[in-house]
Amino acid sequence: MPIDTSRTFIPVRIAVLTVSDTRGAADDRSGDTLVDRLTGAGHILAARAIIRDDVPALVAQLNAWIDDPMVDCIISTGGTGVTGRDVTPEALAQVQEKEIPGFGELFRWLSFQSIGTSTIQSRACAGVSRGTYIFALPGSTGAVKDGWDGILKDQLDSRHRPCNFVELMPRLTER
């Protein structure tokens, strides 16, 4: 989709959340990939954390960032599979006010191009809560690349046409 270079780029303040029982700062390749891509696109890394696959802990972190005026958007990586420990969508469901179902649908379509029918195991999802976007990606670096390069890079660019998530940000809390 086209980028309208006559429009001003507006950097988005993005918090990155890695959901994992096994990764730490030294080996968080998916989180590193996401940070590299978002800062490379001109956005601001507002915060970063690694949280275990635990719904109350995830909900607490999400709520803290949702309430932080310095965070416009949260992107998580990990915990979107179908095993018993994968609980990111459940945590997101507890905080979101509105679901963005097209995000997960488009993510799985893009992912299908790379990994075929294995994409059906992904529960990538997105929502909005109290004026903050939240996107949940699977934990592989390939999934992060698919989600960022194929969807978020454009939708978080204020110059993207015909429309983008950034231009809606001032209206997210309307009643």
N, C-alpha and C. Protein backbone atom coordinates (compact mmCIF):
# COMPACT_ATOMS: atom_id res chain seq x y z
N MET A 1 0.84 -1.17 0.00
CA MET A 1 0.00 0.00 0.00
C MET A 1 0.89 1.24 0.00
N PRO A 2 0.38 2.31 -0.52
CA PRO A 2 1.23 3.50 -0.69
C PRO A 2 1.46 4.30 0.59
N ILE A 3 2.67 4.84 0.66
CA ILE A 3 3.03 5.80 1.71
C ILE A 3 2.96 7.18 1.06
N ASP A 4 2.18 8.07 1.65
CA ASP A 4 2.03 9.43 1.15
C ASP A 4 3.13 10.29 1.77
N THR A 5 4.20 10.51 1.03
CA THR A 5 5.36 11.24 1.55
C THR A 5 5.07 12.72 1.76
N SER A 6 3.94 13.22 1.31
CA SER A 6 3.58 14.61 1.58
C SER A 6 3.06 14.79 3.01
N ARG A 7 2.74 13.67 3.68
CA ARG A 7 2.25 13.72 5.06
C ARG A 7 3.41 13.58 6.04
N THR A 8 3.23 14.07 7.22
CA THR A 8 4.26 14.00 8.26
C THR A 8 4.22 12.66 8.97
N PHE A 9 5.39 12.07 9.17
CA PHE A 9 5.50 10.85 9.94
C PHE A 9 5.35 11.18 11.41
N ILE A 10 4.50 10.43 12.11
CA ILE A 10 4.29 10.60 13.54
C ILE A 10 4.80 9.35 14.24
N PRO A 11 5.89 9.47 15.02
CA PRO A 11 6.39 8.27 15.71
C PRO A 11 5.41 7.82 16.79
N VAL A 12 5.25 6.51 16.90
CA VAL A 12 4.37 5.90 17.89
C VAL A 12 5.25 5.39 19.03
N ARG A 13 4.80 5.59 20.26
CA ARG A 13 5.53 5.11 21.45
C ARG A 13 5.04 3.69 21.73
N ILE A 14 5.92 2.71 21.51
CA ILE A 14 5.55 1.30 21.54
C ILE A 14 6.25 0.58 22.69
N ALA A 15 5.49 -0.16 23.48
CA ALA A 15 6.03 -1.04 24.51
C ALA A 15 6.08 -2.46 23.94
N VAL A 16 7.17 -3.15 24.17
CA VAL A 16 7.37 -4.51 23.67
C VAL A 16 7.34 -5.47 24.86
N LEU A 17 6.46 -6.44 24.77
CA LEU A 17 6.30 -7.44 25.82
C LEU A 17 6.60 -8.83 25.27
N THR A 18 7.62 -9.47 25.82
CA THR A 18 7.90 -10.86 25.45
C THR A 18 7.27 -11.74 26.51
N VAL A 19 6.48 -12.71 26.06
CA VAL A 19 5.80 -13.64 26.96
C VAL A 19 6.51 -14.98 26.83
N SER A 20 7.19 -15.39 27.90
CA SER A 20 7.97 -16.63 27.83
C SER A 20 8.35 -17.12 29.21
N ASP A 21 8.32 -18.43 29.38
CA ASP A 21 8.80 -19.07 30.59
C ASP A 21 10.29 -19.40 30.50
N THR A 22 10.86 -19.30 29.30
CA THR A 22 12.22 -19.78 29.09
C THR A 22 13.19 -18.72 28.61
N ARG A 23 12.73 -17.61 28.09
CA ARG A 23 13.64 -16.61 27.55
C ARG A 23 13.97 -15.53 28.58
N GLY A 24 15.19 -15.03 28.44
CA GLY A 24 15.64 -13.90 29.23
C GLY A 24 16.14 -12.82 28.30
N ALA A 25 16.63 -11.72 28.86
CA ALA A 25 17.10 -10.59 28.05
C ALA A 25 18.20 -11.01 27.08
N ALA A 26 19.03 -11.96 27.46
CA ALA A 26 20.17 -12.36 26.63
C ALA A 26 19.77 -13.17 25.40
N ASP A 27 18.62 -13.83 25.45
CA ASP A 27 18.23 -14.68 24.32
C ASP A 27 16.81 -14.39 23.81
N ASP A 28 16.36 -13.17 23.96
CA ASP A 28 15.03 -12.77 23.48
C ASP A 28 15.13 -12.29 22.03
N ARG A 29 15.35 -13.25 21.12
CA ARG A 29 15.54 -12.90 19.71
C ARG A 29 14.30 -12.27 19.09
N SER A 30 13.11 -12.75 19.45
CA SER A 30 11.89 -12.17 18.88
C SER A 30 11.69 -10.74 19.36
N GLY A 31 11.91 -10.51 20.65
CA GLY A 31 11.81 -9.15 21.17
C GLY A 31 12.84 -8.23 20.53
N ASP A 32 14.07 -8.73 20.37
CA ASP A 32 15.12 -7.93 19.72
C ASP A 32 14.74 -7.60 18.28
N THR A 33 14.20 -8.59 17.57
CA THR A 33 13.79 -8.37 16.18
C THR A 33 12.72 -7.30 16.10
N LEU A 34 11.75 -7.37 16.99
CA LEU A 34 10.67 -6.39 17.01
C LEU A 34 11.21 -4.99 17.34
N VAL A 35 12.07 -4.89 18.34
CA VAL A 35 12.65 -3.59 18.70
C VAL A 35 13.44 -3.02 17.52
N ASP A 36 14.26 -3.84 16.87
CA ASP A 36 15.04 -3.38 15.72
C ASP A 36 14.14 -2.84 14.62
N ARG A 37 13.05 -3.55 14.35
CA ARG A 37 12.16 -3.13 13.28
C ARG A 37 11.41 -1.84 13.63
N LEU A 38 10.89 -1.76 14.83
CA LEU A 38 10.09 -0.57 15.16
C LEU A 38 10.97 0.67 15.29
N THR A 39 12.15 0.55 15.88
CA THR A 39 13.02 1.72 15.97
C THR A 39 13.60 2.07 14.59
N GLY A 40 13.86 1.06 13.78
CA GLY A 40 14.33 1.30 12.42
C GLY A 40 13.31 2.04 11.58
N ALA A 41 12.03 1.87 11.91
CA ALA A 41 10.96 2.56 11.19
C ALA A 41 10.72 3.97 11.73
N GLY A 42 11.45 4.34 12.80
CA GLY A 42 11.31 5.68 13.34
C GLY A 42 10.43 5.81 14.56
N HIS A 43 9.94 4.69 15.08
CA HIS A 43 9.09 4.71 16.28
C HIS A 43 9.95 4.73 17.54
N ILE A 44 9.32 4.94 18.67
CA ILE A 44 10.00 5.07 19.95
C ILE A 44 9.73 3.83 20.80
N LEU A 45 10.78 3.21 21.29
CA LEU A 45 10.62 2.09 22.23
C LEU A 45 10.30 2.72 23.59
N ALA A 46 9.05 2.63 24.01
CA ALA A 46 8.59 3.26 25.25
C ALA A 46 8.92 2.42 26.47
N ALA A 47 8.93 1.11 26.32
CA ALA A 47 9.19 0.20 27.43
C ALA A 47 9.41 -1.20 26.86
N ARG A 48 10.02 -2.04 27.69
CA ARG A 48 10.23 -3.43 27.28
C ARG A 48 10.26 -4.30 28.52
N ALA A 49 9.62 -5.47 28.42
CA ALA A 49 9.60 -6.40 29.55
C ALA A 49 9.49 -7.83 29.04
N ILE A 50 9.92 -8.76 29.88
CA ILE A 50 9.72 -10.18 29.65
C ILE A 50 8.92 -10.69 30.84
N ILE A 51 7.77 -11.29 30.56
CA ILE A 51 6.87 -11.79 31.59
C ILE A 51 6.59 -13.27 31.33
N ARG A 52 6.53 -14.05 32.38
CA ARG A 52 6.18 -15.48 32.26
C ARG A 52 4.76 -15.66 31.75
N ASP A 53 4.45 -16.83 31.26
CA ASP A 53 3.10 -17.18 30.79
C ASP A 53 2.18 -17.31 32.00
N ASP A 54 1.69 -16.18 32.49
CA ASP A 54 0.87 -16.14 33.69
C ASP A 54 -0.16 -15.03 33.51
N VAL A 55 -1.44 -15.38 33.46
CA VAL A 55 -2.48 -14.40 33.15
C VAL A 55 -2.46 -13.21 34.11
N PRO A 56 -2.47 -13.40 35.44
CA PRO A 56 -2.47 -12.22 36.32
C PRO A 56 -1.26 -11.31 36.10
N ALA A 57 -0.09 -11.88 35.90
CA ALA A 57 1.11 -11.06 35.66
C ALA A 57 1.01 -10.30 34.34
N LEU A 58 0.50 -10.98 33.32
CA LEU A 58 0.34 -10.32 32.02
C LEU A 58 -0.70 -9.21 32.09
N VAL A 59 -1.81 -9.47 32.74
CA VAL A 59 -2.87 -8.46 32.89
C VAL A 59 -2.32 -7.25 33.64
N ALA A 60 -1.56 -7.48 34.69
CA ALA A 60 -0.98 -6.38 35.47
C ALA A 60 -0.05 -5.53 34.60
N GLN A 61 0.81 -6.19 33.81
CA GLN A 61 1.74 -5.44 32.95
C GLN A 61 0.98 -4.69 31.87
N LEU A 62 0.02 -5.35 31.24
CA LEU A 62 -0.78 -4.67 30.21
C LEU A 62 -1.49 -3.46 30.79
N ASN A 63 -2.13 -3.60 31.93
CA ASN A 63 -2.83 -2.47 32.55
C ASN A 63 -1.88 -1.33 32.89
N ALA A 64 -0.69 -1.66 33.38
CA ALA A 64 0.28 -0.61 33.71
C ALA A 64 0.65 0.20 32.47
N TRP A 65 0.89 -0.48 31.37
CA TRP A 65 1.24 0.23 30.14
C TRP A 65 0.04 0.94 29.52
N ILE A 66 -1.14 0.33 29.60
CA ILE A 66 -2.34 0.99 29.08
C ILE A 66 -2.56 2.32 29.80
N ASP A 67 -2.31 2.34 31.09
CA ASP A 67 -2.52 3.55 31.89
C ASP A 67 -1.36 4.54 31.81
N ASP A 68 -0.27 4.16 31.18
CA ASP A 68 0.90 5.03 31.05
C ASP A 68 0.72 5.95 29.84
N PRO A 69 0.64 7.25 30.03
CA PRO A 69 0.43 8.16 28.90
C PRO A 69 1.61 8.18 27.91
N MET A 70 2.74 7.58 28.28
CA MET A 70 3.90 7.53 27.39
C MET A 70 3.90 6.28 26.50
N VAL A 71 2.83 5.47 26.59
CA VAL A 71 2.70 4.27 25.76
C VAL A 71 1.45 4.41 24.90
N ASP A 72 1.64 4.38 23.57
CA ASP A 72 0.52 4.46 22.63
C ASP A 72 0.07 3.08 22.18
N CYS A 73 0.99 2.13 22.21
CA CYS A 73 0.76 0.83 21.59
C CYS A 73 1.62 -0.21 22.31
N ILE A 74 1.07 -1.41 22.46
CA ILE A 74 1.79 -2.54 23.05
C ILE A 74 1.83 -3.64 22.00
N ILE A 75 3.01 -4.20 21.79
CA ILE A 75 3.14 -5.36 20.91
C ILE A 75 3.79 -6.46 21.72
N SER A 76 3.10 -7.58 21.82
CA SER A 76 3.67 -8.73 22.54
C SER A 76 4.10 -9.79 21.55
N THR A 77 5.02 -10.60 22.00
CA THR A 77 5.48 -11.74 21.21
C THR A 77 5.53 -12.95 22.13
N GLY A 78 4.84 -14.01 21.74
CA GLY A 78 4.82 -15.24 22.52
C GLY A 78 3.51 -15.48 23.24
N GLY A 79 3.27 -16.74 23.55
CA GLY A 79 2.10 -17.13 24.32
C GLY A 79 0.80 -17.19 23.56
N THR A 80 0.88 -17.24 22.22
CA THR A 80 -0.35 -17.24 21.41
C THR A 80 -0.68 -18.60 20.81
N GLY A 81 0.02 -19.62 21.23
CA GLY A 81 -0.23 -20.97 20.70
C GLY A 81 -1.41 -21.63 21.37
N VAL A 82 -1.47 -22.94 21.28
CA VAL A 82 -2.62 -23.69 21.80
C VAL A 82 -2.29 -24.57 23.00
N THR A 83 -1.05 -24.51 23.49
CA THR A 83 -0.71 -25.35 24.64
C THR A 83 -1.29 -24.76 25.92
N GLY A 84 -1.25 -25.52 26.97
CA GLY A 84 -1.79 -25.08 28.24
C GLY A 84 -1.11 -23.84 28.80
N ARG A 85 0.17 -23.64 28.49
CA ARG A 85 0.91 -22.48 28.99
C ARG A 85 0.68 -21.22 28.16
N ASP A 86 0.13 -21.34 26.96
CA ASP A 86 -0.08 -20.19 26.08
C ASP A 86 -1.33 -19.43 26.50
N VAL A 87 -1.12 -18.27 27.16
CA VAL A 87 -2.26 -17.55 27.74
C VAL A 87 -2.33 -16.08 27.35
N THR A 88 -1.54 -15.65 26.38
CA THR A 88 -1.58 -14.23 26.00
C THR A 88 -2.96 -13.79 25.53
N PRO A 89 -3.65 -14.53 24.65
CA PRO A 89 -4.98 -14.08 24.24
C PRO A 89 -5.97 -13.98 25.41
N GLU A 90 -5.84 -14.86 26.38
CA GLU A 90 -6.72 -14.81 27.55
C GLU A 90 -6.45 -13.55 28.38
N ALA A 91 -5.17 -13.19 28.52
CA ALA A 91 -4.83 -11.96 29.24
C ALA A 91 -5.33 -10.74 28.48
N LEU A 92 -5.12 -10.74 27.17
CA LEU A 92 -5.60 -9.61 26.36
C LEU A 92 -7.12 -9.47 26.47
N ALA A 93 -7.82 -10.58 26.47
CA ALA A 93 -9.29 -10.54 26.57
C ALA A 93 -9.75 -9.89 27.87
N GLN A 94 -8.94 -9.98 28.93
CA GLN A 94 -9.32 -9.38 30.21
C GLN A 94 -9.15 -7.86 30.24
N VAL A 95 -8.34 -7.32 29.35
CA VAL A 95 -8.12 -5.87 29.37
C VAL A 95 -8.72 -5.12 28.19
N GLN A 96 -8.96 -5.80 27.09
CA GLN A 96 -9.41 -5.08 25.89
C GLN A 96 -10.87 -4.65 25.99
N GLU A 97 -11.14 -3.49 25.40
CA GLU A 97 -12.50 -2.99 25.28
C GLU A 97 -13.09 -3.35 23.92
N LYS A 98 -12.22 -3.37 22.91
CA LYS A 98 -12.64 -3.73 21.56
C LYS A 98 -11.62 -4.67 20.94
N GLU A 99 -12.11 -5.68 20.29
CA GLU A 99 -11.26 -6.61 19.56
C GLU A 99 -11.04 -6.07 18.14
N ILE A 100 -9.88 -6.38 17.59
CA ILE A 100 -9.59 -6.07 16.18
C ILE A 100 -9.42 -7.42 15.48
N PRO A 101 -10.53 -8.08 15.12
CA PRO A 101 -10.43 -9.45 14.59
C PRO A 101 -9.66 -9.56 13.28
N GLY A 102 -9.69 -8.52 12.47
CA GLY A 102 -8.99 -8.57 11.19
C GLY A 102 -7.49 -8.74 11.34
N PHE A 103 -6.92 -8.32 12.46
CA PHE A 103 -5.48 -8.46 12.66
C PHE A 103 -5.07 -9.93 12.67
N GLY A 104 -5.74 -10.73 13.49
CA GLY A 104 -5.41 -12.15 13.56
C GLY A 104 -5.69 -12.87 12.25
N GLU A 105 -6.78 -12.49 11.62
CA GLU A 105 -7.12 -13.11 10.34
C GLU A 105 -6.06 -12.81 9.29
N LEU A 106 -5.65 -11.54 9.19
CA LEU A 106 -4.63 -11.16 8.21
C LEU A 106 -3.28 -11.77 8.57
N PHE A 107 -2.95 -11.79 9.86
CA PHE A 107 -1.68 -12.39 10.27
C PHE A 107 -1.61 -13.86 9.81
N ARG A 108 -2.67 -14.61 10.06
CA ARG A 108 -2.65 -16.03 9.68
C ARG A 108 -2.58 -16.20 8.16
N TRP A 109 -3.21 -15.32 7.41
CA TRP A 109 -3.13 -15.39 5.95
C TRP A 109 -1.69 -15.13 5.51
N LEU A 110 -1.05 -14.10 6.07
CA LEU A 110 0.35 -13.82 5.73
C LEU A 110 1.26 -14.96 6.15
N SER A 111 1.05 -15.46 7.35
CA SER A 111 1.87 -16.54 7.88
C SER A 111 1.73 -17.81 7.04
N PHE A 112 0.56 -18.04 6.50
CA PHE A 112 0.32 -19.20 5.65
C PHE A 112 1.30 -19.21 4.47
N GLN A 113 1.64 -18.01 3.97
CA GLN A 113 2.58 -17.92 2.84
C GLN A 113 3.95 -18.48 3.22
N SER A 114 4.29 -18.40 4.52
CA SER A 114 5.61 -18.85 4.99
C SER A 114 5.60 -20.27 5.55
N ILE A 115 4.58 -20.59 6.35
CA ILE A 115 4.62 -21.87 7.07
C ILE A 115 3.45 -22.80 6.75
N GLY A 116 2.65 -22.42 5.79
CA GLY A 116 1.55 -23.29 5.38
C GLY A 116 0.50 -23.46 6.46
N THR A 117 -0.06 -24.65 6.51
CA THR A 117 -1.18 -24.89 7.42
C THR A 117 -0.80 -24.83 8.90
N SER A 118 0.49 -24.83 9.21
CA SER A 118 0.90 -24.71 10.61
C SER A 118 0.43 -23.39 11.23
N THR A 119 0.08 -22.42 10.40
CA THR A 119 -0.40 -21.13 10.91
C THR A 119 -1.70 -21.27 11.69
N ILE A 120 -2.41 -22.35 11.48
CA ILE A 120 -3.68 -22.55 12.20
C ILE A 120 -3.47 -22.67 13.70
N GLN A 121 -2.25 -22.96 14.13
CA GLN A 121 -1.94 -23.08 15.55
C GLN A 121 -1.76 -21.72 16.23
N SER A 122 -1.75 -20.66 15.44
CA SER A 122 -1.54 -19.32 15.99
C SER A 122 -2.86 -18.69 16.42
N ARG A 123 -2.83 -18.07 17.59
CA ARG A 123 -3.98 -17.29 18.05
C ARG A 123 -3.58 -15.81 18.15
N ALA A 124 -2.80 -15.35 17.17
CA ALA A 124 -2.45 -13.93 17.10
C ALA A 124 -3.73 -13.12 17.17
N CYS A 125 -3.69 -12.02 17.91
CA CYS A 125 -4.92 -11.24 18.10
C CYS A 125 -4.55 -9.80 18.42
N ALA A 126 -5.56 -8.95 18.45
CA ALA A 126 -5.34 -7.53 18.74
C ALA A 126 -6.60 -6.93 19.32
N GLY A 127 -6.39 -5.82 20.00
CA GLY A 127 -7.52 -5.10 20.58
C GLY A 127 -7.13 -3.69 20.95
N VAL A 128 -8.10 -2.97 21.50
CA VAL A 128 -7.90 -1.61 21.97
C VAL A 128 -8.40 -1.54 23.40
N SER A 129 -7.65 -0.87 24.24
CA SER A 129 -8.07 -0.68 25.63
C SER A 129 -7.71 0.72 26.09
N ARG A 130 -8.70 1.48 26.50
CA ARG A 130 -8.51 2.82 27.05
C ARG A 130 -7.56 3.66 26.21
N GLY A 131 -7.72 3.58 24.90
CA GLY A 131 -6.94 4.40 23.98
C GLY A 131 -5.60 3.83 23.57
N THR A 132 -5.30 2.60 23.96
CA THR A 132 -4.03 1.97 23.63
C THR A 132 -4.26 0.74 22.76
N TYR A 133 -3.52 0.66 21.66
CA TYR A 133 -3.57 -0.52 20.81
C TYR A 133 -2.74 -1.63 21.45
N ILE A 134 -3.21 -2.88 21.31
CA ILE A 134 -2.46 -4.04 21.79
C ILE A 134 -2.47 -5.10 20.69
N PHE A 135 -1.29 -5.54 20.29
CA PHE A 135 -1.15 -6.56 19.26
C PHE A 135 -0.37 -7.72 19.85
N ALA A 136 -0.88 -8.94 19.70
CA ALA A 136 -0.23 -10.13 20.23
C ALA A 136 0.23 -11.02 19.08
N LEU A 137 1.54 -11.15 18.95
CA LEU A 137 2.15 -11.97 17.91
C LEU A 137 2.71 -13.26 18.50
N PRO A 138 2.82 -14.31 17.71
CA PRO A 138 3.51 -15.51 18.17
C PRO A 138 4.97 -15.20 18.50
N GLY A 139 5.63 -16.14 19.16
CA GLY A 139 6.97 -15.90 19.68
C GLY A 139 8.14 -16.18 18.77
N SER A 140 7.93 -16.65 17.56
CA SER A 140 9.07 -16.91 16.68
C SER A 140 9.50 -15.63 15.97
N THR A 141 10.77 -15.57 15.59
CA THR A 141 11.23 -14.39 14.86
C THR A 141 10.53 -14.29 13.51
N GLY A 142 10.22 -15.42 12.89
CA GLY A 142 9.49 -15.39 11.62
C GLY A 142 8.12 -14.78 11.78
N ALA A 143 7.44 -15.10 12.87
CA ALA A 143 6.12 -14.54 13.12
C ALA A 143 6.20 -13.03 13.39
N VAL A 144 7.24 -12.62 14.11
CA VAL A 144 7.43 -11.19 14.36
C VAL A 144 7.66 -10.46 13.04
N LYS A 145 8.47 -11.04 12.18
CA LYS A 145 8.73 -10.42 10.87
C LYS A 145 7.44 -10.37 10.05
N ASP A 146 6.67 -11.46 10.03
CA ASP A 146 5.40 -11.47 9.29
C ASP A 146 4.46 -10.39 9.82
N GLY A 147 4.33 -10.31 11.14
CA GLY A 147 3.40 -9.36 11.74
C GLY A 147 3.83 -7.92 11.56
N TRP A 148 5.12 -7.65 11.77
CA TRP A 148 5.59 -6.27 11.61
C TRP A 148 5.64 -5.89 10.14
N ASP A 149 6.37 -6.67 9.34
CA ASP A 149 6.58 -6.30 7.94
C ASP A 149 5.29 -6.32 7.13
N GLY A 150 4.41 -7.27 7.45
CA GLY A 150 3.20 -7.43 6.64
C GLY A 150 2.00 -6.62 7.09
N ILE A 151 1.99 -6.16 8.35
CA ILE A 151 0.81 -5.44 8.85
C ILE A 151 1.21 -4.17 9.60
N LEU A 152 1.93 -4.33 10.69
CA LEU A 152 2.14 -3.22 11.62
C LEU A 152 3.01 -2.10 11.07
N LYS A 153 4.00 -2.42 10.26
CA LYS A 153 4.86 -1.39 9.68
C LYS A 153 4.01 -0.35 8.96
N ASP A 154 3.04 -0.78 8.20
CA ASP A 154 2.18 0.15 7.46
C ASP A 154 1.08 0.74 8.34
N GLN A 155 0.42 -0.08 9.13
CA GLN A 155 -0.70 0.43 9.92
C GLN A 155 -0.27 1.36 11.04
N LEU A 156 0.99 1.30 11.46
CA LEU A 156 1.50 2.23 12.47
C LEU A 156 2.29 3.38 11.84
N ASP A 157 2.16 3.54 10.53
CA ASP A 157 2.78 4.66 9.82
C ASP A 157 1.68 5.66 9.46
N SER A 158 1.78 6.86 10.02
CA SER A 158 0.75 7.89 9.82
C SER A 158 0.62 8.32 8.37
N ARG A 159 1.57 7.96 7.54
CA ARG A 159 1.53 8.35 6.12
C ARG A 159 0.89 7.29 5.24
N HIS A 160 0.57 6.13 5.80
CA HIS A 160 0.01 5.03 5.01
C HIS A 160 -1.40 5.38 4.54
N ARG A 161 -1.69 5.10 3.30
CA ARG A 161 -3.00 5.35 2.70
C ARG A 161 -3.59 4.06 2.18
N PRO A 162 -4.89 3.86 2.22
CA PRO A 162 -5.89 4.91 2.42
C PRO A 162 -6.15 5.24 3.88
N CYS A 163 -5.76 4.40 4.83
CA CYS A 163 -5.98 4.71 6.24
C CYS A 163 -4.98 3.94 7.08
N ASN A 164 -4.90 4.30 8.38
CA ASN A 164 -3.95 3.65 9.27
C ASN A 164 -4.43 3.79 10.71
N PHE A 165 -3.84 3.01 11.60
CA PHE A 165 -4.22 3.06 13.01
C PHE A 165 -3.85 4.38 13.68
N VAL A 166 -2.77 5.01 13.25
CA VAL A 166 -2.27 6.22 13.90
C VAL A 166 -3.28 7.36 13.81
N GLU A 167 -3.89 7.53 12.64
CA GLU A 167 -4.83 8.64 12.49
C GLU A 167 -6.08 8.46 13.35
N LEU A 168 -6.34 7.24 13.82
CA LEU A 168 -7.48 6.98 14.68
C LEU A 168 -7.16 7.16 16.17
N MET A 169 -5.90 7.26 16.51
CA MET A 169 -5.50 7.32 17.92
C MET A 169 -6.20 8.42 18.71
N PRO A 170 -6.32 9.63 18.19
CA PRO A 170 -7.00 10.67 18.98
C PRO A 170 -8.48 10.38 19.27
N ARG A 171 -9.06 9.46 18.52
CA ARG A 171 -10.49 9.16 18.65
C ARG A 171 -10.77 7.86 19.39
N LEU A 172 -9.75 7.15 19.85
CA LEU A 172 -9.95 5.84 20.45
C LEU A 172 -10.78 5.87 21.75
N THR A 173 -10.77 6.99 22.44
CA THR A 173 -11.49 7.06 23.71
C THR A 173 -12.82 7.80 23.59
N GLU A 174 -13.24 8.07 22.37
CA GLU A 174 -14.55 8.74 22.18
C GLU A 174 -15.68 7.90 22.74
N ARG A 175 -16.70 8.56 23.19
CA ARG A 175 -17.91 7.87 23.64
C ARG A 175 -19.09 8.44 22.90
